[in-house]
Protein backbone atom coordinates (compact mmCIF):
# COMPACT_ATOMS: atom_id res chain seq x y z
CA MET A 1 -44.82 1.76 -7.18
CA ASN A 2 -43.23 -1.51 -7.24
CA ILE A 3 -41.79 -3.55 -10.18
CA GLN A 4 -44.79 -6.17 -10.06
CA ILE A 5 -47.30 -3.49 -11.21
CA SER A 6 -45.74 -3.97 -14.87
CA ALA A 7 -47.15 -7.33 -15.05
CA LEU A 8 -50.65 -6.06 -14.36
CA SER A 9 -53.06 -5.15 -17.25
CA PRO A 10 -53.98 -1.59 -17.66
CA GLU A 11 -57.43 -2.46 -16.12
CA GLN A 12 -56.01 -4.42 -13.32
CA LYS A 13 -53.75 -1.27 -12.50
CA VAL A 14 -56.75 0.91 -12.41
CA LYS A 15 -58.73 -1.48 -10.01
CA SER A 16 -55.94 -1.51 -7.72
CA LEU A 17 -55.47 2.02 -7.70
CA LEU A 18 -59.37 2.56 -7.02
CA GLN A 19 -59.16 0.18 -3.94
CA GLN A 20 -55.97 1.69 -2.46
CA LYS A 21 -57.35 5.27 -2.63
CA GLY A 22 -61.07 4.50 -1.85
CA TYR A 23 -62.37 5.47 -5.19
CA ASP A 24 -65.61 3.99 -6.63
CA GLY A 25 -64.60 4.46 -10.06
CA LEU A 26 -62.89 6.19 -12.89
CA LEU A 27 -63.99 8.21 -15.86
CA VAL A 28 -61.70 8.31 -18.96
CA ARG A 29 -62.23 10.96 -21.65
CA LYS A 30 -58.61 11.47 -23.13
CA ARG A 31 -57.43 9.53 -25.96
CA GLN A 32 -54.33 8.39 -24.49
CA ASN A 33 -55.85 6.83 -21.73
CA PHE A 34 -58.61 5.27 -23.81
CA SER A 35 -55.92 3.49 -26.00
CA TRP A 36 -53.91 2.58 -22.83
CA LEU A 37 -56.93 1.25 -21.01
CA THR A 38 -58.11 -1.00 -23.99
CA GLU A 39 -54.52 -2.05 -24.94
CA GLY A 40 -54.28 -0.21 -28.29
CA LYS A 41 -57.68 0.81 -29.50
CA VAL A 42 -58.71 4.37 -30.34
CA ASN A 43 -61.64 6.64 -29.93
CA HIS A 44 -60.87 10.00 -31.76
CA ILE A 45 -62.14 11.29 -35.00
CA VAL A 46 -60.22 14.86 -34.80
CA ASN A 47 -56.62 14.02 -34.79
CA THR A 48 -55.59 17.31 -33.13
CA SER A 49 -57.81 16.97 -30.13
CA GLU A 50 -56.53 15.21 -26.97
CA TYR A 51 -60.31 14.05 -26.33
CA GLY A 52 -62.16 11.30 -28.17
CA VAL A 53 -65.69 10.65 -29.17
CA ALA A 54 -66.24 7.99 -26.47
CA ASP A 55 -65.68 7.89 -22.66
CA LEU A 56 -65.05 4.84 -20.53
CA LEU A 57 -66.42 4.46 -17.13
CA LEU A 58 -64.95 1.87 -14.82
CA LEU A 59 -67.05 1.10 -11.60
CA ASP A 60 -66.51 -1.88 -9.22
CA ASP A 61 -68.71 -4.21 -10.89
CA LYS A 62 -69.56 -2.59 -14.36
CA LYS A 63 -67.76 -1.07 -17.07
CA TYR A 64 -69.64 1.66 -19.55
CA CYS A 65 -69.02 3.00 -22.72
CA ILE A 66 -70.63 6.58 -23.10
CA THR A 67 -70.95 8.15 -26.46
CA VAL A 68 -73.36 9.51 -28.92
CA LYS A 69 -75.49 7.18 -31.44
CA MET A 70 -73.57 8.34 -34.51
CA GLU A 71 -70.61 6.84 -33.05
CA SER A 72 -71.63 3.97 -30.92
CA ARG A 73 -71.83 1.10 -33.61
CA ARG A 74 -68.20 1.58 -35.01
CA ILE A 75 -66.93 2.07 -31.45
CA MET A 76 -68.63 -0.86 -29.84
CA GLU A 77 -67.84 -3.13 -33.06
CA GLU A 78 -64.45 -2.14 -34.05
CA GLU A 79 -62.83 -0.91 -30.85
CA LEU A 80 -64.62 -2.56 -27.92
CA GLU A 81 -65.75 -5.81 -29.10
CA GLY A 82 -65.26 -8.47 -26.55
CA LEU A 83 -64.05 -6.23 -23.76
CA GLY A 84 -67.00 -6.30 -21.75
CA TYR A 85 -68.19 -2.63 -22.05
CA GLU A 86 -71.94 -1.90 -21.72
CA LEU A 87 -73.16 0.79 -24.17
CA VAL A 88 -74.72 4.04 -22.79
CA GLU A 89 -75.74 6.30 -25.45
CA CYS A 90 -77.71 9.42 -26.62
CA GLU A 91 -78.44 11.38 -29.80
CA TRP A 92 -75.48 13.32 -31.48
CA TYR A 93 -77.05 16.66 -30.64
CA GLU A 94 -77.45 15.87 -26.75
CA SER A 95 -74.72 16.09 -24.18
CA THR A 96 -73.34 12.97 -22.61
CA THR A 97 -72.81 14.81 -19.12
CA PRO A 98 -76.16 13.95 -17.75
CA LEU A 99 -75.67 10.18 -18.72
CA ILE A 100 -72.27 10.34 -16.84
CA ASN A 101 -73.97 12.25 -13.76
CA ARG A 102 -76.58 9.53 -13.50
CA LEU A 103 -74.04 6.55 -13.61
CA CYS A 104 -71.92 8.41 -11.07
CA LYS A 105 -74.55 9.48 -8.57
CA ASP A 106 -73.72 8.90 -4.92
CA LYS A 107 -70.30 7.40 -6.08
CA LYS A 108 -66.71 8.73 -5.63
CA VAL A 109 -65.55 8.65 -9.40
CA VAL A 110 -62.26 10.54 -10.23
CA SER A 111 -61.63 11.48 -13.78
CA ASP A 112 -58.55 12.13 -16.30
CA THR A 113 -59.66 15.46 -16.94
CA ASN A 114 -61.24 18.68 -15.21
CA MET A 115 -64.55 17.14 -14.77
CA LYS A 116 -67.04 19.11 -12.55
CA GLY A 117 -67.66 17.01 -9.18
CA MET A 118 -64.59 14.69 -9.74
CA LYS A 119 -61.22 14.82 -8.70
CA ASP A 120 -58.52 14.88 -11.49
CA ALA A 121 -56.30 11.87 -11.25
CA SER A 122 -54.30 12.73 -14.32
CA SER A 123 -50.84 12.52 -12.45
CA GLU A 124 -51.83 9.16 -10.80
CA LEU A 125 -52.68 7.71 -14.11
CA VAL A 126 -49.29 8.91 -15.61
CA GLN A 127 -47.50 6.94 -12.87
CA LEU A 128 -49.82 3.82 -13.72
CA ARG A 129 -49.44 3.65 -17.54
CA SER A 130 -45.56 4.75 -17.56
CA GLN A 131 -44.52 1.35 -16.16
CA LEU A 132 -44.96 -0.45 -19.23
CA SER A 133 -46.15 -4.13 -19.40
CA GLU A 134 -44.51 -6.76 -21.41
CA ARG A 135 -46.88 -6.52 -24.19
CA GLU A 136 -46.63 -2.76 -24.19
CA ARG A 137 -42.75 -2.99 -24.47
CA GLU A 138 -42.91 -5.47 -27.12
CA GLN A 139 -45.31 -2.93 -28.98
CA TYR A 140 -42.79 -0.27 -28.31
CA ARG A 141 -39.88 -2.14 -29.74
CA TRP A 142 -41.85 -2.55 -33.04
CA LEU A 143 -42.92 1.02 -33.14
CA GLY A 144 -39.22 2.63 -32.08
CA GLN A 145 -37.74 0.52 -34.83
CA PHE A 146 -40.45 1.54 -37.46
CA SER A 147 -40.17 5.06 -36.34
CA ALA A 148 -36.47 5.39 -36.79
CA ASN A 149 -36.31 3.14 -40.15
CA THR A 150 -38.69 5.72 -41.46
CA LEU A 151 -37.08 8.86 -40.70
CA GLU A 152 -33.85 7.29 -41.75
CA GLY A 153 -35.20 6.02 -45.06
CA VAL A 154 -36.54 9.58 -45.87
CA ALA A 155 -33.07 11.18 -44.88
CA ARG A 156 -31.64 8.88 -47.68
CA GLU A 157 -34.40 9.87 -50.07
CA ILE A 158 -34.64 13.48 -49.97
CA GLN A 159 -32.77 15.63 -52.48
CA PRO A 160 -31.60 19.37 -52.37
CA GLY A 161 -34.02 21.71 -53.92
CA MET A 162 -37.09 19.85 -52.00
CA SER A 163 -39.19 22.04 -49.66
CA GLU A 164 -39.44 21.24 -46.00
CA PHE A 165 -43.35 20.72 -46.80
CA GLU A 166 -42.24 17.95 -49.46
CA ILE A 167 -39.89 16.42 -46.99
CA ALA A 168 -42.47 16.35 -44.24
CA SER A 169 -45.13 15.10 -46.56
CA LEU A 170 -42.74 11.73 -47.21
CA VAL A 171 -42.38 11.04 -43.41
CA ALA A 172 -46.18 11.49 -43.18
CA THR A 173 -47.02 9.05 -46.22
CA LYS A 174 -44.75 6.45 -44.77
CA THR A 175 -45.96 6.60 -41.44
CA ILE A 176 -49.86 6.79 -42.16
CA LYS A 177 -49.64 4.04 -44.86
CA GLU A 178 -48.66 1.59 -42.02
CA GLY A 179 -51.65 2.86 -39.75
CA VAL A 180 -49.20 4.88 -37.74
CA ASN A 181 -50.30 8.36 -36.49
CA PRO A 182 -47.50 11.13 -36.98
CA GLN A 183 -48.20 13.19 -33.87
CA VAL A 184 -45.48 15.45 -34.59
CA ILE A 185 -43.30 16.18 -37.74
CA LEU A 186 -40.59 18.69 -37.65
CA VAL A 187 -38.27 19.67 -40.40
CA ALA A 188 -35.76 22.38 -40.73
CA THR A 189 -33.22 22.99 -43.19
CA ASP A 190 -29.89 24.93 -43.32
CA GLU A 191 -29.97 28.14 -41.40
CA ARG A 192 -33.62 27.40 -39.97
CA ILE A 193 -31.71 24.78 -37.93
CA TYR A 194 -29.69 27.32 -36.26
CA ASN A 195 -32.25 29.87 -35.71
CA TYR A 196 -35.19 27.60 -34.36
CA ARG A 197 -34.75 24.81 -31.94
CA HIS A 198 -38.50 23.73 -32.50
CA PRO A 199 -39.16 24.25 -36.28
CA ILE A 200 -42.30 23.06 -37.94
CA PRO A 201 -41.88 22.69 -41.72
CA THR A 202 -42.14 25.58 -44.09
CA GLU A 203 -41.90 26.26 -47.84
CA LYS A 204 -38.19 26.86 -47.44
CA LYS A 205 -35.95 24.67 -49.82
CA LEU A 206 -33.31 22.52 -48.74
CA ASP A 207 -29.79 23.35 -49.82
CA LYS A 208 -27.20 21.22 -47.69
CA TYR A 209 -28.53 20.48 -44.16
CA ALA A 210 -31.63 18.87 -42.91
CA MET A 211 -32.93 18.22 -39.44
CA LEU A 212 -36.05 15.57 -39.55
CA VAL A 213 -38.10 14.94 -36.20
CA LEU A 214 -40.86 12.28 -36.01
CA CYS A 215 -43.12 11.47 -32.75
CA ALA A 216 -45.08 8.43 -34.07
CA GLU A 217 -48.07 6.88 -32.28
CA LYS A 218 -49.45 3.70 -32.43
CA GLY A 219 -51.99 2.07 -29.94
CA GLY A 220 -51.22 5.03 -27.88
CA LEU A 221 -47.58 4.48 -27.45
CA VAL A 222 -45.45 7.38 -28.71
CA ALA A 223 -41.68 6.92 -30.27
CA ASN A 224 -39.55 9.98 -30.60
CA VAL A 225 -36.69 10.19 -33.09
CA THR A 226 -34.49 12.83 -34.72
CA ARG A 227 -31.94 12.56 -37.59
CA PHE A 228 -29.86 14.92 -39.44
CA VAL A 229 -28.67 14.65 -43.20
CA HIS A 230 -25.88 16.76 -44.81
CA PHE A 231 -25.12 17.13 -48.69
CA GLY A 232 -21.29 17.46 -48.88
CA PRO A 233 -18.54 18.03 -46.42
CA LEU A 234 -19.33 19.32 -42.86
CA GLN A 235 -18.12 22.72 -41.74
CA GLU A 236 -15.62 22.44 -38.98
CA HIS A 237 -18.01 23.82 -36.22
CA LEU A 238 -20.36 20.90 -37.08
CA LYS A 239 -17.57 18.15 -36.88
CA ILE A 240 -16.95 19.44 -33.33
CA ASN A 241 -20.37 20.17 -32.01
CA LYS A 242 -21.82 16.69 -33.03
CA GLU A 243 -19.22 15.07 -31.02
CA LYS A 244 -19.70 17.30 -27.89
CA LEU A 245 -23.40 16.81 -28.12
CA ALA A 246 -23.10 13.03 -28.32
CA LYS A 247 -21.64 13.33 -25.09
CA ILE A 248 -24.24 15.41 -23.28
CA ASP A 249 -26.74 12.68 -24.79
CA VAL A 250 -24.86 9.60 -23.38
CA TRP A 251 -24.46 11.37 -19.81
CA MET A 252 -28.16 11.98 -19.73
CA ASN A 253 -29.15 8.59 -21.04
CA ALA A 254 -26.79 6.75 -18.99
CA ALA A 255 -27.79 8.31 -15.77
CA THR A 256 -31.59 7.44 -16.51
CA ARG A 257 -31.77 4.27 -14.15
CA PRO A 258 -33.91 2.93 -11.50
CA GLY A 259 -33.88 4.76 -8.33
CA SER A 260 -32.44 7.90 -9.97
CA LYS A 261 -34.43 11.16 -9.32
CA VAL A 262 -35.36 12.70 -12.77
CA LYS A 263 -34.14 16.23 -11.41
CA ASP A 264 -30.61 14.67 -10.86
CA VAL A 265 -30.48 13.25 -14.44
CA PHE A 266 -31.41 16.83 -15.54
CA GLN A 267 -28.54 18.30 -13.37
CA ILE A 268 -26.12 15.82 -15.00
CA GLY A 269 -27.39 17.10 -18.53
CA LEU A 270 -26.38 20.69 -17.20
CA LYS A 271 -23.02 19.89 -16.19
CA ALA A 272 -22.46 18.06 -19.44
CA TYR A 273 -23.61 21.23 -21.46
CA ALA A 274 -21.04 23.34 -19.27
CA GLU A 275 -18.26 20.96 -20.07
CA ALA A 276 -19.07 21.03 -23.47
CA GLY A 277 -18.60 24.75 -23.45
CA PHE A 278 -22.40 25.53 -24.03
CA PRO A 279 -23.45 26.27 -20.28
CA GLU A 280 -26.75 28.12 -21.29
CA ASP A 281 -27.89 26.25 -24.35
CA TRP A 282 -30.26 24.03 -22.43
CA ARG A 283 -32.49 27.05 -21.98
CA LEU A 284 -33.21 27.07 -25.59
CA LEU A 285 -35.16 24.05 -25.86
CA HIS A 286 -36.74 21.54 -23.16
CA GLN A 287 -34.66 18.43 -22.59
CA GLY A 288 -37.35 15.91 -22.86
CA GLY A 289 -38.38 13.54 -20.00
CA LEU A 290 -40.75 10.59 -19.60
CA THR A 291 -42.56 9.38 -22.58
CA GLY A 292 -44.87 6.49 -23.31
CA PHE A 293 -48.38 7.26 -23.74
CA ALA A 294 -47.71 10.93 -24.80
CA SER A 295 -44.64 12.23 -26.70
CA ARG A 296 -43.63 13.81 -23.06
CA GLU A 297 -45.63 12.60 -20.12
CA TYR A 298 -44.03 15.69 -18.53
CA LEU A 299 -40.86 17.86 -19.37
CA ALA A 300 -38.09 17.16 -17.08
CA SER A 301 -36.50 20.17 -15.12
CA MET A 302 -34.34 20.67 -12.03
CA ASN A 303 -37.48 20.36 -10.03
CA SER A 304 -38.53 17.15 -11.15
CA GLU A 305 -39.16 15.05 -7.89
CA GLU A 306 -40.40 11.94 -9.99
CA GLU A 307 -38.14 8.98 -9.65
CA VAL A 308 -36.91 6.68 -12.64
CA VAL A 309 -38.75 3.31 -12.54
CA LEU A 310 -37.98 0.01 -14.28
CA HIS A 311 -39.87 -0.41 -17.59
CA GLN A 312 -40.41 3.42 -18.19
CA ALA A 313 -39.51 5.12 -21.46
CA TYR A 314 -37.53 8.24 -21.57
CA ALA A 315 -36.78 10.66 -24.56
CA TRP A 316 -34.12 13.31 -23.91
CA ASN A 317 -33.36 15.97 -26.68
CA PRO A 318 -30.33 17.90 -26.00
CA ALA A 319 -29.18 20.52 -28.54
CA ILE A 320 -26.39 22.86 -28.83
CA ARG A 321 -25.45 25.08 -31.98
CA GLY A 322 -26.39 23.38 -35.30
CA ILE A 323 -27.33 19.88 -33.78
CA LYS A 324 -29.78 18.13 -31.62
CA SER A 325 -30.16 14.47 -30.38
CA GLU A 326 -33.18 12.59 -29.58
CA ASP A 327 -34.06 8.73 -29.45
CA THR A 328 -36.64 6.78 -27.07
CA ILE A 329 -35.29 4.50 -24.50
CA LEU A 330 -36.50 1.94 -22.53
CA VAL A 331 -35.29 1.31 -18.84
CA GLU A 332 -34.64 -2.19 -18.47
CA GLU A 333 -32.98 -4.48 -15.73
CA LYS A 334 -29.38 -4.70 -16.76
CA GLU A 335 -29.13 -1.29 -19.00
CA ASN A 336 -31.25 0.82 -21.18
CA THR A 337 -32.32 -0.11 -24.52
CA PHE A 338 -32.42 2.51 -27.54
CA LEU A 339 -35.70 1.59 -28.99
CA THR A 340 -34.99 3.78 -32.05
CA HIS A 341 -31.47 2.58 -32.63
CA THR A 342 -31.41 0.54 -36.06
CA GLY A 343 -27.92 -0.18 -36.41
CA ASN A 344 -28.22 1.06 -40.08
CA TRP A 345 -27.01 4.57 -39.68
CA PRO A 346 -23.63 6.35 -39.25
CA TYR A 347 -22.84 6.55 -35.37
CA ILE A 348 -20.63 8.49 -33.06
CA GLU A 349 -18.97 6.02 -30.43
CA VAL A 350 -18.75 7.65 -26.97
CA GLU A 351 -16.91 6.04 -24.08
CA HIS A 352 -18.78 6.75 -20.69
CA GLN A 353 -17.80 5.00 -17.30
CA GLY A 354 -16.11 2.21 -19.10
CA ARG A 355 -18.83 1.60 -21.50
CA HIS A 356 -19.12 2.26 -25.22
CA TYR A 357 -22.37 3.91 -26.62
CA GLN A 358 -23.11 4.42 -30.09
CA ARG A 359 -25.26 7.73 -30.77
CA PRO A 360 -26.58 8.87 -34.04
CA ASP A 361 -24.22 11.00 -36.32
CA ILE A 362 -25.11 13.32 -39.07
CA LEU A 363 -25.54 11.33 -42.38
CA ILE A 364 -23.15 12.74 -45.09
CA ARG A 365 -24.57 12.46 -48.72
CA ASP A 366 -22.84 13.60 -51.88
């Protein structure tokens, strides 16, 4: 994949892929690909499903939207107006599969899912959509700032005695109010931060220490961010561990540059964990990876052969005892941009390879 591909529209990228691979068409069923292909439109009803209620079929000379009649008017008028899609519909109690089979008859069509008779081209689509266009990068910058400002605002608003459910509801309210979908909201307080690396909210009430996590989606793109707030002075181990974690974070983010193998970035993270005195903690939580049109397009590991490419986005999330770090970065020409860095938060300054980085600190409140 060359750098110039980021200058193409999603539809142009797909048509280029079809031509290169000798495919006759692409069937899109997943929400993320619908949003990507339509440059920000949505096709879902159920927010917890990865599939929408309308499929898109791109052939050499035609573009179809395949759905049921109870969805078709809204989809065509509010999502696909002016995009050149021809509607093919059936009754709500009928399956769209016969329609798809008829349109694809005698054609070599691939799909973004396990569709009978079609090759699953999901991995190829990840590579296409992960190299973001200029328009997508601008949208991502807005979403990164919105997500971080939202989470940091909630961290300044919460009070001891609030339940994790209440804290999560504040995050959800502020995101949904602006038309942003909170794909993931994690909240842990006090001992739950130490006990669980992936904690969903509970009725537990905040005493002194809270972790807030948000994966926020708009137009298909997902920004990922974590922040911590503590009431009163920090315990000594947290003072030490937050500094150690900041170095692990910087090592991984600084290594995420064009041409690097993802597995090599991962190994740099493991080395940083060892130097921090926590050589096995990486096993307790995935370390993140490529993001963009999913909170993680895939989870990085020591076996990830993928190469970092210009205009991709990554979200690493190293964690050691009592503390975790997570921001969304954009790989740009001269350096990586932290999309979720607001400048309106306490930071830890880390020097690495002659450069200075600011990584999020724990917010201390009285």
